[in-house]
Amino acid sequence: MYPASLLLLLAAASCVHGQIVLTQAESVQGTPAGSLKLTCACSGFTLSSTNMFWIRQAPGKGLEWIIYYYSDSDKSNAPVVQGRFTASKDSSNFYLHMSQLKPEDSAVYYCARDSLWLN
């Protein structure tokens, strides 16, 4: 039996490294088979030339990489979200587009940047 809703928490605190800031909303809630869009606001670096990632942590589990994204032609999804989750970015935001949500998608979601690409 599916729960009535799925709780998706995002890292509430901003990640600050020098002037680099990644900010996410506190939490969102979805429903099984539904869709959601998560936003990670980015500043202090050039997002268009930075490798970005979405990572999640389900209750009682370890961190799980789900998406790597540089551009529409340079991206990779973990098999567990293939065909259901996609990423995109504009000049200041990194997005996670989630569809066909499942109970096992309930987790804390983190956006991250590749520290090797400092600009």
PDB file of N, CA and C in Angstrom:
ATOM      1  N   MET A   1       0.836  -1.179   0.000  1.00  0.00           N
ATOM      2  CA  MET A   1       0.000   0.000   0.000  1.00  0.00           C
ATOM      3  C   MET A   1       0.884   1.246   0.000  1.00  0.00           C
ATOM      4  N   TYR A   2       0.617   2.174  -0.897  1.00  0.00           N
ATOM      5  CA  TYR A   2       1.377   3.412  -0.961  1.00  0.00           C
ATOM      6  C   TYR A   2       0.921   4.366   0.130  1.00  0.00           C
ATOM      7  N   PRO A   3       1.862   5.109   0.724  1.00  0.00           N
ATOM      8  CA  PRO A   3       1.462   6.121   1.694  1.00  0.00           C
ATOM      9  C   PRO A   3       0.730   7.245   0.969  1.00  0.00           C
ATOM     10  N   ALA A   4      -0.025   8.018   1.714  1.00  0.00           N
ATOM     11  CA  ALA A   4      -0.798   9.106   1.122  1.00  0.00           C
ATOM     12  C   ALA A   4       0.101  10.166   0.504  1.00  0.00           C
ATOM     13  N   SER A   5       1.294  10.311   1.022  1.00  0.00           N
ATOM     14  CA  SER A   5       2.198  11.311   0.470  1.00  0.00           C
ATOM     15  C   SER A   5       3.649  10.902   0.688  1.00  0.00           C
ATOM     16  N   LEU A   6       4.512  11.555  -0.025  1.00  0.00           N
ATOM     17  CA  LEU A   6       5.948  11.344   0.102  1.00  0.00           C
ATOM     18  C   LEU A   6       6.551  12.628   0.637  1.00  0.00           C
ATOM     19  N   LEU A   7       7.443  12.526   1.578  1.00  0.00           N
ATOM     20  CA  LEU A   7       8.092  13.710   2.119  1.00  0.00           C
ATOM     21  C   LEU A   7       9.498  13.798   1.557  1.00  0.00           C
ATOM     22  N   LEU A   8       9.789  14.894   0.917  1.00  0.00           N
ATOM     23  CA  LEU A   8      11.099  15.125   0.341  1.00  0.00           C
ATOM     24  C   LEU A   8      11.699  16.336   1.038  1.00  0.00           C
ATOM     25  N   LEU A   9      12.714  16.106   1.822  1.00  0.00           N
ATOM     26  CA  LEU A   9      13.372  17.192   2.533  1.00  0.00           C
ATOM     27  C   LEU A   9      14.598  17.626   1.760  1.00  0.00           C
ATOM     28  N   LEU A  10      14.877  18.887   1.789  1.00  0.00           N
ATOM     29  CA  LEU A  10      16.074  19.404   1.165  1.00  0.00           C
ATOM     30  C   LEU A  10      16.969  19.953   2.250  1.00  0.00           C
ATOM     31  N   ALA A  11      18.239  20.007   1.964  1.00  0.00           N
ATOM     32  CA  ALA A  11      19.171  20.547   2.957  1.00  0.00           C
ATOM     33  C   ALA A  11      18.733  21.962   3.293  1.00  0.00           C
ATOM     34  N   ALA A  12      18.385  22.190   4.536  1.00  0.00           N
ATOM     35  CA  ALA A  12      17.841  23.479   4.943  1.00  0.00           C
ATOM     36  C   ALA A  12      18.913  24.554   5.023  1.00  0.00           C
ATOM     37  N   ALA A  13      20.094  24.180   5.392  1.00  0.00           N
ATOM     38  CA  ALA A  13      21.159  25.166   5.546  1.00  0.00           C
ATOM     39  C   ALA A  13      21.852  25.416   4.215  1.00  0.00           C
ATOM     40  N   SER A  14      22.316  26.625   4.041  1.00  0.00           N
ATOM     41  CA  SER A  14      23.091  26.949   2.854  1.00  0.00           C
ATOM     42  C   SER A  14      24.497  26.387   3.004  1.00  0.00           C
ATOM     43  N   CYS A  15      25.071  25.996   1.892  1.00  0.00           N
ATOM     44  CA  CYS A  15      26.449  25.513   1.888  1.00  0.00           C
ATOM     45  C   CYS A  15      27.318  26.666   1.406  1.00  0.00           C
ATOM     46  N   VAL A  16      28.192  27.155   2.250  1.00  0.00           N
ATOM     47  CA  VAL A  16      28.998  28.318   1.904  1.00  0.00           C
ATOM     48  C   VAL A  16      30.478  27.947   1.901  1.00  0.00           C
ATOM     49  N   HIS A  17      31.166  28.228   0.820  1.00  0.00           N
ATOM     50  CA  HIS A  17      32.612  28.012   0.712  1.00  0.00           C
ATOM     51  C   HIS A  17      33.175  29.290   0.106  1.00  0.00           C
ATOM     52  N   GLY A  18      33.745  30.153   0.929  1.00  0.00           N
ATOM     53  CA  GLY A  18      34.147  31.459   0.432  1.00  0.00           C
ATOM     54  C   GLY A  18      32.893  32.224   0.077  1.00  0.00           C
ATOM     55  N   GLN A  19      32.773  32.593  -1.171  1.00  0.00           N
ATOM     56  CA  GLN A  19      31.576  33.294  -1.632  1.00  0.00           C
ATOM     57  C   GLN A  19      30.638  32.374  -2.414  1.00  0.00           C
ATOM     58  N   ILE A  20      30.936  31.084  -2.452  1.00  0.00           N
ATOM     59  CA  ILE A  20      30.094  30.126  -3.169  1.00  0.00           C
ATOM     60  C   ILE A  20      28.940  29.711  -2.270  1.00  0.00           C
ATOM     61  N   VAL A  21      27.710  29.871  -2.762  1.00  0.00           N
ATOM     62  CA  VAL A  21      26.538  29.554  -1.949  1.00  0.00           C
ATOM     63  C   VAL A  21      25.567  28.697  -2.757  1.00  0.00           C
ATOM     64  N   LEU A  22      25.123  27.575  -2.160  1.00  0.00           N
ATOM     65  CA  LEU A  22      24.063  26.732  -2.715  1.00  0.00           C
ATOM     66  C   LEU A  22      22.934  26.754  -1.698  1.00  0.00           C
ATOM     67  N   THR A  23      21.741  27.185  -2.109  1.00  0.00           N
ATOM     68  CA  THR A  23      20.625  27.321  -1.182  1.00  0.00           C
ATOM     69  C   THR A  23      19.434  26.510  -1.673  1.00  0.00           C
ATOM     70  N   GLN A  24      18.837  25.744  -0.770  1.00  0.00           N
ATOM     71  CA  GLN A  24      17.669  24.934  -1.095  1.00  0.00           C
ATOM     72  C   GLN A  24      16.536  25.243  -0.127  1.00  0.00           C
ATOM     73  N   ALA A  25      15.315  25.000  -0.572  1.00  0.00           N
ATOM     74  CA  ALA A  25      14.145  25.167   0.290  1.00  0.00           C
ATOM     75  C   ALA A  25      14.180  24.115   1.395  1.00  0.00           C
ATOM     76  N   GLU A  26      13.372  24.301   2.425  1.00  0.00           N
ATOM     77  CA  GLU A  26      13.406  23.374   3.556  1.00  0.00           C
ATOM     78  C   GLU A  26      12.764  22.027   3.260  1.00  0.00           C
ATOM     79  N   SER A  27      11.550  22.000   2.742  1.00  0.00           N
ATOM     80  CA  SER A  27      10.914  20.711   2.458  1.00  0.00           C
ATOM     81  C   SER A  27       9.778  20.879   1.463  1.00  0.00           C
ATOM     82  N   VAL A  28       9.506  19.812   0.761  1.00  0.00           N
ATOM     83  CA  VAL A  28       8.367  19.745  -0.148  1.00  0.00           C
ATOM     84  C   VAL A  28       7.731  18.377   0.028  1.00  0.00           C
ATOM     85  N   GLN A  29       6.501  18.266  -0.379  1.00  0.00           N
ATOM     86  CA  GLN A  29       5.793  17.001  -0.224  1.00  0.00           C
ATOM     87  C   GLN A  29       5.123  16.643  -1.541  1.00  0.00           C
ATOM     88  N   GLY A  30       5.235  15.379  -1.917  1.00  0.00           N
ATOM     89  CA  GLY A  30       4.630  14.903  -3.144  1.00  0.00           C
ATOM     90  C   GLY A  30       3.729  13.714  -2.883  1.00  0.00           C
ATOM     91  N   THR A  31       3.117  13.224  -3.933  1.00  0.00           N
ATOM     92  CA  THR A  31       2.236  12.064  -3.820  1.00  0.00           C
ATOM     93  C   THR A  31       2.738  10.958  -4.747  1.00  0.00           C
ATOM     94  N   PRO A  32       2.476   9.705  -4.411  1.00  0.00           N
ATOM     95  CA  PRO A  32       2.891   8.605  -5.287  1.00  0.00           C
ATOM     96  C   PRO A  32       2.367   8.813  -6.707  1.00  0.00           C
ATOM     97  N   ALA A  33       3.215   8.567  -7.672  1.00  0.00           N
ATOM     98  CA  ALA A  33       2.943   8.735  -9.098  1.00  0.00           C
ATOM     99  C   ALA A  33       2.883  10.200  -9.506  1.00  0.00           C
ATOM    100  N   GLY A  34       3.101  11.115  -8.564  1.00  0.00           N
ATOM    101  CA  GLY A  34       3.066  12.543  -8.847  1.00  0.00           C
ATOM    102  C   GLY A  34       4.402  13.069  -9.340  1.00  0.00           C
ATOM    103  N   SER A  35       4.465  14.398  -9.476  1.00  0.00           N
ATOM    104  CA  SER A  35       5.665  15.073  -9.954  1.00  0.00           C
ATOM    105  C   SER A  35       6.040  16.216  -9.019  1.00  0.00           C
ATOM    106  N   LEU A  36       7.318  16.534  -8.969  1.00  0.00           N
ATOM    107  CA  LEU A  36       7.835  17.658  -8.188  1.00  0.00           C
ATOM    108  C   LEU A  36       9.034  18.251  -8.906  1.00  0.00           C
ATOM    109  N   LYS A  37       9.316  19.510  -8.595  1.00  0.00           N
ATOM    110  CA  LYS A  37      10.521  20.166  -9.102  1.00  0.00           C
ATOM    111  C   LYS A  37      11.245  20.776  -7.909  1.00  0.00           C
ATOM    112  N   LEU A  38      12.501  20.370  -7.699  1.00  0.00           N
ATOM    113  CA  LEU A  38      13.323  20.922  -6.633  1.00  0.00           C
ATOM    114  C   LEU A  38      14.271  21.951  -7.237  1.00  0.00           C
ATOM    115  N   THR A  39      14.522  23.022  -6.485  1.00  0.00           N
ATOM    116  CA  THR A  39      15.383  24.100  -6.959  1.00  0.00           C
ATOM    117  C   THR A  39      16.549  24.314  -6.011  1.00  0.00           C
ATOM    118  N   CYS A  40      17.722  24.454  -6.568  1.00  0.00           N
ATOM    119  CA  CYS A  40      18.934  24.784  -5.819  1.00  0.00           C
ATOM    120  C   CYS A  40      19.445  26.110  -6.388  1.00  0.00           C
ATOM    121  N   ALA A  41      19.336  27.185  -5.598  1.00  0.00           N
ATOM    122  CA  ALA A  41      19.815  28.497  -6.034  1.00  0.00           C
ATOM    123  C   ALA A  41      21.325  28.561  -5.830  1.00  0.00           C
ATOM    124  N   CYS A  42      22.045  28.973  -6.854  1.00  0.00           N
ATOM    125  CA  CYS A  42      23.508  28.965  -6.831  1.00  0.00           C
ATOM    126  C   CYS A  42      24.057  30.370  -7.052  1.00  0.00           C
ATOM    127  N   SER A  43      25.076  30.728  -6.288  1.00  0.00           N
ATOM    128  CA  SER A  43      25.732  32.021  -6.489  1.00  0.00           C
ATOM    129  C   SER A  43      27.204  31.913  -6.128  1.00  0.00           C
ATOM    130  N   GLY A  44      27.981  32.860  -6.641  1.00  0.00           N
ATOM    131  CA  GLY A  44      29.404  32.898  -6.343  1.00  0.00           C
ATOM    132  C   GLY A  44      30.264  32.099  -7.299  1.00  0.00           C
ATOM    133  N   PHE A  45      29.659  31.530  -8.331  1.00  0.00           N
ATOM    134  CA  PHE A  45      30.414  30.789  -9.340  1.00  0.00           C
ATOM    135  C   PHE A  45      29.602  30.757 -10.622  1.00  0.00           C
ATOM    136  N   THR A  46      30.243  30.365 -11.715  1.00  0.00           N
ATOM    137  CA  THR A  46      29.574  30.312 -13.013  1.00  0.00           C
ATOM    138  C   THR A  46      28.914  28.952 -13.172  1.00  0.00           C
ATOM    139  N   LEU A  47      27.616  28.911 -12.967  1.00  0.00           N
ATOM    140  CA  LEU A  47      26.877  27.648 -12.990  1.00  0.00           C
ATOM    141  C   LEU A  47      26.969  26.955 -14.344  1.00  0.00           C
ATOM    142  N   SER A  48      26.954  27.731 -15.420  1.00  0.00           N
ATOM    143  CA  SER A  48      26.955  27.125 -16.760  1.00  0.00           C
ATOM    144  C   SER A  48      28.212  26.313 -17.051  1.00  0.00           C
ATOM    145  N   SER A  49      29.310  26.589 -16.349  1.00  0.00           N
ATOM    146  CA  SER A  49      30.555  25.850 -16.596  1.00  0.00           C
ATOM    147  C   SER A  49      30.963  24.983 -15.408  1.00  0.00           C
ATOM    148  N   THR A  50      29.972  24.564 -14.617  1.00  0.00           N
ATOM    149  CA  THR A  50      30.248  23.773 -13.417  1.00  0.00           C
ATOM    150  C   THR A  50      29.505  22.444 -13.448  1.00  0.00           C
ATOM    151  N   ASN A  51      30.195  21.361 -13.116  1.00  0.00           N
ATOM    152  CA  ASN A  51      29.555  20.057 -12.951  1.00  0.00           C
ATOM    153  C   ASN A  51      28.708  20.105 -11.685  1.00  0.00           C
ATOM    154  N   MET A  52      27.461  19.666 -11.779  1.00  0.00           N
ATOM    155  CA  MET A  52      26.547  19.689 -10.642  1.00  0.00           C
ATOM    156  C   MET A  52      25.989  18.285 -10.396  1.00  0.00           C
ATOM    157  N   PHE A  53      25.530  18.057  -9.172  1.00  0.00           N
ATOM    158  CA  PHE A  53      25.035  16.741  -8.768  1.00  0.00           C
ATOM    159  C   PHE A  53      23.787  16.872  -7.906  1.00  0.00           C
ATOM    160  N   TRP A  54      22.926  15.876  -7.979  1.00  0.00           N
ATOM    161  CA  TRP A  54      21.863  15.680  -6.994  1.00  0.00           C
ATOM    162  C   TRP A  54      22.180  14.378  -6.266  1.00  0.00           C
ATOM    163  N   ILE A  55      22.112  14.437  -4.954  1.00  0.00           N
ATOM    164  CA  ILE A  55      22.404  13.309  -4.072  1.00  0.00           C
ATOM    165  C   ILE A  55      21.249  13.219  -3.090  1.00  0.00           C
ATOM    166  N   ARG A  56      20.909  12.019  -2.632  1.00  0.00           N
ATOM    167  CA  ARG A  56      19.832  11.908  -1.651  1.00  0.00           C
ATOM    168  C   ARG A  56      20.215  10.936  -0.548  1.00  0.00           C
ATOM    169  N   GLN A  57      19.506  11.063   0.565  1.00  0.00           N
ATOM    170  CA  GLN A  57      19.707  10.151   1.689  1.00  0.00           C
ATOM    171  C   GLN A  57      18.350   9.768   2.256  1.00  0.00           C
ATOM    172  N   ALA A  58      17.958   8.517   2.051  1.00  0.00           N
ATOM    173  CA  ALA A  58      16.700   7.996   2.588  1.00  0.00           C
ATOM    174  C   ALA A  58      16.874   7.730   4.077  1.00  0.00           C
ATOM    175  N   PRO A  59      15.783   7.728   4.834  1.00  0.00           N
ATOM    176  CA  PRO A  59      15.877   7.481   6.281  1.00  0.00           C
ATOM    177  C   PRO A  59      16.616   6.179   6.587  1.00  0.00           C
ATOM    178  N   GLY A  60      17.623   6.256   7.451  1.00  0.00           N
ATOM    179  CA  GLY A  60      18.380   5.078   7.855  1.00  0.00           C
ATOM    180  C   GLY A  60      19.353   4.540   6.825  1.00  0.00           C
ATOM    181  N   LYS A  61      19.538   5.263   5.714  1.00  0.00           N
ATOM    182  CA  LYS A  61      20.423   4.797   4.639  1.00  0.00           C
ATOM    183  C   LYS A  61      21.577   5.768   4.437  1.00  0.00           C
ATOM    184  N   GLY A  62      22.529   5.354   3.625  1.00  0.00           N
ATOM    185  CA  GLY A  62      23.657   6.209   3.292  1.00  0.00           C
ATOM    186  C   GLY A  62      23.322   7.154   2.150  1.00  0.00           C
ATOM    187  N   LEU A  63      24.270   8.010   1.817  1.00  0.00           N
ATOM    188  CA  LEU A  63      24.096   8.924   0.692  1.00  0.00           C
ATOM    189  C   LEU A  63      24.047   8.138  -0.614  1.00  0.00           C
ATOM    190  N   GLU A  64      23.210   8.591  -1.529  1.00  0.00           N
ATOM    191  CA  GLU A  64      23.031   7.925  -2.822  1.00  0.00           C
ATOM    192  C   GLU A  64      23.108   8.971  -3.929  1.00  0.00           C
ATOM    193  N   TRP A  65      24.096   8.835  -4.819  1.00  0.00           N
ATOM    194  CA  TRP A  65      24.193   9.717  -5.971  1.00  0.00           C
ATOM    195  C   TRP A  65      23.053   9.377  -6.924  1.00  0.00           C
ATOM    196  N   ILE A  66      22.345  10.402  -7.411  1.00  0.00           N
ATOM    197  CA  ILE A  66      21.274  10.108  -8.368  1.00  0.00           C
ATOM    198  C   ILE A  66      21.455  10.789  -9.724  1.00  0.00           C
ATOM    199  N   ILE A  67      22.067  11.979  -9.755  1.00  0.00           N
ATOM    200  CA  ILE A  67      22.229  12.668 -11.042  1.00  0.00           C
ATOM    201  C   ILE A  67      23.528  13.470 -11.077  1.00  0.00           C
ATOM    202  N   TYR A  68      24.235  13.339 -12.204  1.00  0.00           N
ATOM    203  CA  TYR A  68      25.338  14.239 -12.558  1.00  0.00           C
ATOM    204  C   TYR A  68      24.837  15.057 -13.733  1.00  0.00           C
ATOM    205  N   TYR A  69      25.126  16.371 -13.734  1.00  0.00           N
ATOM    206  CA  TYR A  69      24.666  17.218 -14.835  1.00  0.00           C
ATOM    207  C   TYR A  69      25.658  18.344 -15.098  1.00  0.00           C
ATOM    208  N   TYR A  70      26.084  18.426 -16.351  1.00  0.00           N
ATOM    209  CA  TYR A  70      26.871  19.574 -16.808  1.00  0.00           C
ATOM    210  C   TYR A  70      26.067  20.340 -17.850  1.00  0.00           C
ATOM    211  N   SER A  71      25.523  19.592 -18.809  1.00  0.00           N
ATOM    212  CA  SER A  71      24.701  20.182 -19.866  1.00  0.00           C
ATOM    213  C   SER A  71      23.759  19.102 -20.389  1.00  0.00           C
ATOM    214  N   ASP A  72      22.859  19.498 -21.288  1.00  0.00           N
ATOM    215  CA  ASP A  72      21.930  18.514 -21.847  1.00  0.00           C
ATOM    216  C   ASP A  72      22.655  17.397 -22.593  1.00  0.00           C
ATOM    217  N   SER A  73      23.869  17.680 -23.067  1.00  0.00           N
ATOM    218  CA  SER A  73      24.625  16.648 -23.787  1.00  0.00           C
ATOM    219  C   SER A  73      25.677  15.958 -22.915  1.00  0.00           C
ATOM    220  N   ASP A  74      25.801  16.379 -21.673  1.00  0.00           N
ATOM    221  CA  ASP A  74      26.779  15.786 -20.747  1.00  0.00           C
ATOM    222  C   ASP A  74      26.110  15.602 -19.387  1.00  0.00           C
ATOM    223  N   LYS A  75      25.467  14.455 -19.218  1.00  0.00           N
ATOM    224  CA  LYS A  75      24.697  14.183 -18.001  1.00  0.00           C
ATOM    225  C   LYS A  75      24.606  12.687 -17.780  1.00  0.00           C
ATOM    226  N   SER A  76      24.248  12.300 -16.559  1.00  0.00           N
ATOM    227  CA  SER A  76      24.124  10.881 -16.239  1.00  0.00           C
ATOM    228  C   SER A  76      23.173  10.711 -15.061  1.00  0.00           C
ATOM    229  N   ASN A  77      22.316   9.705 -15.156  1.00  0.00           N
ATOM    230  CA  ASN A  77      21.367   9.394 -14.080  1.00  0.00           C
ATOM    231  C   ASN A  77      21.667   8.019 -13.507  1.00  0.00           C
ATOM    232  N   ALA A  78      21.456   7.860 -12.209  1.00  0.00           N
ATOM    233  CA  ALA A  78      21.549   6.540 -11.594  1.00  0.00           C
ATOM    234  C   ALA A  78      20.398   5.685 -12.127  1.00  0.00           C
ATOM    235  N   PRO A  79      20.604   4.384 -12.304  1.00  0.00           N
ATOM    236  CA  PRO A  79      19.543   3.516 -12.826  1.00  0.00           C
ATOM    237  C   PRO A  79      18.232   3.601 -12.042  1.00  0.00           C
ATOM    238  N   VAL A  80      18.304   3.817 -10.738  1.00  0.00           N
ATOM    239  CA  VAL A  80      17.103   3.834  -9.904  1.00  0.00           C
ATOM    240  C   VAL A  80      16.157   4.990 -10.255  1.00  0.00           C
ATOM    241  N   VAL A  81      16.672   6.054 -10.886  1.00  0.00           N
ATOM    242  CA  VAL A  81      15.818   7.187 -11.254  1.00  0.00           C
ATOM    243  C   VAL A  81      15.735   7.390 -12.765  1.00  0.00           C
ATOM    244  N   GLN A  82      16.388   6.532 -13.530  1.00  0.00           N
ATOM    245  CA  GLN A  82      16.399   6.651 -14.986  1.00  0.00           C
ATOM    246  C   GLN A  82      14.982   6.681 -15.539  1.00  0.00           C
ATOM    247  N   GLY A  83      14.702   7.650 -16.396  1.00  0.00           N
ATOM    248  CA  GLY A  83      13.386   7.769 -17.008  1.00  0.00           C
ATOM    249  C   GLY A  83      12.353   8.462 -16.140  1.00  0.00           C
ATOM    250  N   ARG A  84      12.693   8.744 -14.883  1.00  0.00           N
ATOM    251  CA  ARG A  84      11.751   9.417 -13.977  1.00  0.00           C
ATOM    252  C   ARG A  84      12.267  10.771 -13.501  1.00  0.00           C
ATOM    253  N   PHE A  85      13.567  10.891 -13.306  1.00  0.00           N
ATOM    254  CA  PHE A  85      14.166  12.129 -12.815  1.00  0.00           C
ATOM    255  C   PHE A  85      15.088  12.706 -13.881  1.00  0.00           C
ATOM    256  N   THR A  86      15.052  14.022 -14.050  1.00  0.00           N
ATOM    257  CA  THR A  86      15.977  14.715 -14.939  1.00  0.00           C
ATOM    258  C   THR A  86      16.458  15.980 -14.241  1.00  0.00           C
ATOM    259  N   ALA A  87      17.547  16.524 -14.728  1.00  0.00           N
ATOM    260  CA  ALA A  87      18.083  17.767 -14.172  1.00  0.00           C
ATOM    261  C   ALA A  87      18.186  18.804 -15.280  1.00  0.00           C
ATOM    262  N   SER A  88      18.235  20.057 -14.860  1.00  0.00           N
ATOM    263  CA  SER A  88      18.481  21.161 -15.783  1.00  0.00           C
ATOM    264  C   SER A  88      19.045  22.315 -14.972  1.00  0.00           C
ATOM    265  N   LYS A  89      19.557  23.314 -15.671  1.00  0.00           N
ATOM    266  CA  LYS A  89      20.030  24.506 -14.976  1.00  0.00           C
ATOM    267  C   LYS A  89      19.888  25.716 -15.881  1.00  0.00           C
ATOM    268  N   ASP A  90      19.775  26.871 -15.237  1.00  0.00           N
ATOM    269  CA  ASP A  90      19.799  28.129 -15.960  1.00  0.00           C
ATOM    270  C   ASP A  90      20.972  28.931 -15.403  1.00  0.00           C
ATOM    271  N   SER A  91      20.966  30.232 -15.537  1.00  0.00           N
ATOM    272  CA  SER A  91      22.126  31.021 -15.118  1.00  0.00           C
ATOM    273  C   SER A  91      22.357  31.032 -13.612  1.00  0.00           C
ATOM    274  N   SER A  92      21.314  30.750 -12.808  1.00  0.00           N
ATOM    275  CA  SER A  92      21.494  30.828 -11.349  1.00  0.00           C
ATOM    276  C   SER A  92      20.824  29.715 -10.550  1.00  0.00           C
ATOM    277  N   ASN A  93      20.156  28.786 -11.205  1.00  0.00           N
ATOM    278  CA  ASN A  93      19.459  27.707 -10.498  1.00  0.00           C
ATOM    279  C   ASN A  93      19.748  26.349 -11.124  1.00  0.00           C
ATOM    280  N   PHE A  94      19.830  25.347 -10.266  1.00  0.00           N
ATOM    281  CA  PHE A  94      19.997  23.956 -10.677  1.00  0.00           C
ATOM    282  C   PHE A  94      18.728  23.231 -10.245  1.00  0.00           C
ATOM    283  N   TYR A  95      18.080  22.524 -11.172  1.00  0.00           N
ATOM    284  CA  TYR A  95      16.771  21.935 -10.912  1.00  0.00           C
ATOM    285  C   TYR A  95      16.807  20.407 -10.945  1.00  0.00           C
ATOM    286  N   LEU A  96      15.919  19.812 -10.162  1.00  0.00           N
ATOM    287  CA  LEU A  96      15.667  18.377 -10.226  1.00  0.00           C
ATOM    288  C   LEU A  96      14.193  18.204 -10.548  1.00  0.00           C
ATOM    289  N   HIS A  97      13.911  17.651 -11.718  1.00  0.00           N
ATOM    290  CA  HIS A  97      12.541  17.401 -12.156  1.00  0.00           C
ATOM    291  C   HIS A  97      12.234  15.936 -11.848  1.00  0.00           C
ATOM    292  N   MET A  98      11.251  15.701 -10.998  1.00  0.00           N
ATOM    293  CA  MET A  98      10.934  14.352 -10.533  1.00  0.00           C
ATOM    294  C   MET A  98       9.525  13.982 -10.988  1.00  0.00           C
ATOM    295  N   SER A  99       9.370  12.817 -11.586  1.00  0.00           N
ATOM    296  CA  SER A  99       8.046  12.345 -11.992  1.00  0.00           C
ATOM    297  C   SER A  99       7.885  10.888 -11.588  1.00  0.00           C
ATOM    298  N   GLN A 100       6.663  10.403 -11.660  1.00  0.00           N
ATOM    299  CA  GLN A 100       6.353   9.018 -11.285  1.00  0.00           C
ATOM    300  C   GLN A 100       6.962   8.683  -9.925  1.00  0.00           C
ATOM    301  N   LEU A 101       6.725   9.565  -8.945  1.00  0.00           N
ATOM    302  CA  LEU A 101       7.301   9.383  -7.611  1.00  0.00           C
ATOM    303  C   LEU A 101       6.885   8.057  -6.987  1.00  0.00           C
ATOM    304  N   LYS A 102       7.823   7.469  -6.252  1.00  0.00           N
ATOM    305  CA  LYS A 102       7.589   6.204  -5.551  1.00  0.00           C
ATOM    306  C   LYS A 102       7.846   6.414  -4.062  1.00  0.00           C
ATOM    307  N   PRO A 103       7.275   5.571  -3.201  1.00  0.00           N
ATOM    308  CA  PRO A 103       7.532   5.709  -1.759  1.00  0.00           C
ATOM    309  C   PRO A 103       9.024   5.711  -1.432  1.00  0.00           C
ATOM    310  N   GLU A 104       9.812   4.947  -2.163  1.00  0.00           N
ATOM    311  CA  GLU A 104      11.246   4.878  -1.889  1.00  0.00           C
ATOM    312  C   GLU A 104      12.003   6.145  -2.306  1.00  0.00           C
ATOM    313  N   ASP A 105      11.313   7.095  -2.918  1.00  0.00           N
ATOM    314  CA  ASP A 105      11.931   8.382  -3.239  1.00  0.00           C
ATOM    315  C   ASP A 105      11.916   9.334  -2.044  1.00  0.00           C
ATOM    316  N   SER A 106      11.256   8.954  -0.956  1.00  0.00           N
ATOM    317  CA  SER A 106      11.248   9.788   0.252  1.00  0.00           C
ATOM    318  C   SER A 106      12.664   9.859   0.809  1.00  0.00           C
ATOM    319  N   ALA A 107      13.210  11.065   0.893  1.00  0.00           N
ATOM    320  CA  ALA A 107      14.609  11.234   1.292  1.00  0.00           C
ATOM    321  C   ALA A 107      14.922  12.706   1.498  1.00  0.00           C
ATOM    322  N   VAL A 108      16.101  12.960   2.028  1.00  0.00           N
ATOM    323  CA  VAL A 108      16.672  14.308   2.035  1.00  0.00           C
ATOM    324  C   VAL A 108      17.470  14.428   0.740  1.00  0.00           C
ATOM    325  N   TYR A 109      17.201  15.479  -0.027  1.00  0.00           N
ATOM    326  CA  TYR A 109      17.871  15.690  -1.309  1.00  0.00           C
ATOM    327  C   TYR A 109      18.863  16.842  -1.186  1.00  0.00           C
ATOM    328  N   TYR A 110      20.066  16.632  -1.708  1.00  0.00           N
ATOM    329  CA  TYR A 110      21.124  17.636  -1.658  1.00  0.00           C
ATOM    330  C   TYR A 110      21.590  17.967  -3.072  1.00  0.00           C
ATOM    331  N   CYS A 111      21.814  19.236  -3.332  1.00  0.00           N
ATOM    332  CA  CYS A 111      22.518  19.607  -4.558  1.00  0.00           C
ATOM    333  C   CYS A 111      23.976  19.822  -4.178  1.00  0.00           C
ATOM    334  N   ALA A 112      24.868  19.570  -5.115  1.00  0.00           N
ATOM    335  CA  ALA A 112      26.300  19.729  -4.858  1.00  0.00           C
ATOM    336  C   ALA A 112      26.990  20.151  -6.146  1.00  0.00           C
ATOM    337  N   ARG A 113      28.128  20.817  -5.985  1.00  0.00           N
ATOM    338  CA  ARG A 113      28.915  21.218  -7.149  1.00  0.00           C
ATOM    339  C   ARG A 113      30.262  20.513  -7.107  1.00  0.00           C
ATOM    340  N   ASP A 114      30.876  20.379  -8.270  1.00  0.00           N
ATOM    341  CA  ASP A 114      32.194  19.771  -8.373  1.00  0.00           C
ATOM    342  C   ASP A 114      33.232  20.788  -7.924  1.00  0.00           C
ATOM    343  N   SER A 115      33.950  20.488  -6.874  1.00  0.00           N
ATOM    344  CA  SER A 115      34.928  21.439  -6.336  1.00  0.00           C
ATOM    345  C   SER A 115      36.178  21.557  -7.202  1.00  0.00           C
ATOM    346  N   LEU A 116      36.339  20.684  -8.180  1.00  0.00           N
ATOM    347  CA  LEU A 116      37.502  20.758  -9.062  1.00  0.00           C
ATOM    348  C   LEU A 116      37.368  21.854 -10.104  1.00  0.00           C
ATOM    349  N   TRP A 117      36.138  22.349 -10.300  1.00  0.00           N
ATOM    350  CA  TRP A 117      35.875  23.377 -11.305  1.00  0.00           C
ATOM    351  C   TRP A 117      35.652  24.713 -10.625  1.00  0.00           C
ATOM    352  N   LEU A 118      36.689  25.259 -10.046  1.00  0.00           N
ATOM    353  CA  LEU A 118      36.575  26.552  -9.366  1.00  0.00           C
ATOM    354  C   LEU A 118      36.695  27.668 -10.382  1.00  0.00           C
ATOM    355  N   ASN A 119      35.756  28.623 -10.300  1.00  0.00           N
ATOM    356  CA  ASN A 119      35.834  29.786 -11.179  1.00  0.00           C
ATOM    357  C   ASN A 119      35.380  31.017 -10.456  1.00  0.00           C
TER     358      ASN A 119
END
